Amino acid sequence: MPAEVGLAAFVRLRDAGVLSRPAPSPEELEHLLRLPLNVNGRLVKYRFPVVKARFLSVAMRNLSDETPPSAPIALRNWLQTLPGIGPKTASWIVRNRDATARVAILDVHVVRACQILGLFPRRVRLPKDYELLESEFIWFADLLGLPPGDLDASMWYEMRALRKGVWNCLATLRW
């Protein structure tokens, strides 16, 4: 899902007040997610509103019933026990909570950049390989003297700006 669509959905839910309640119903969330979203002046549909509404309702209920761990890695592991939250989303939440957390947000753009650099193999199995790839990424960030969050954000921004054909072409090159 493009970042702009996710942000528009978040704004819709926040403005409707459902994010400030402990456990909105899946039906209420689904209704709000089914309405077209304005993204850069275009009306777009949110993908999988039924499934996402169910995941979000359960996650919000769990968050209101339990106290999540405060340590970044423990928090990420706990978040991954919630339905619909994998390592990338959990890492994103941890990073937004603690900018200094030594986690990497390995989305398709960052993974492709790392493949082009030869840091990651051509074939990766996510989420299975996430922790291994993340450790390589953090090693690389340390080698460059950069916080992992700055490096993955820069890679995401630059790779996202490239046209798909360009990065597909780059990925076939042998360095």
Foldseek 3Di string as FASTA:
>chain_A
DDPQLVVQLVCQCVVVPVLVDQADALVVQLVSQQAFTQGVNDTDHDPPSSVVSVLVRQLSNVVVVDPADDQLVSNLVVSCVGPPDDNLNSNVVSCVVPVQDLWANDDPQLVLVCLLVVLDPPDDDPPVCRVVSSVSLSVVCVVVVHRNNVVRVVSNVVSVPDDPVVSVVSNPDDD
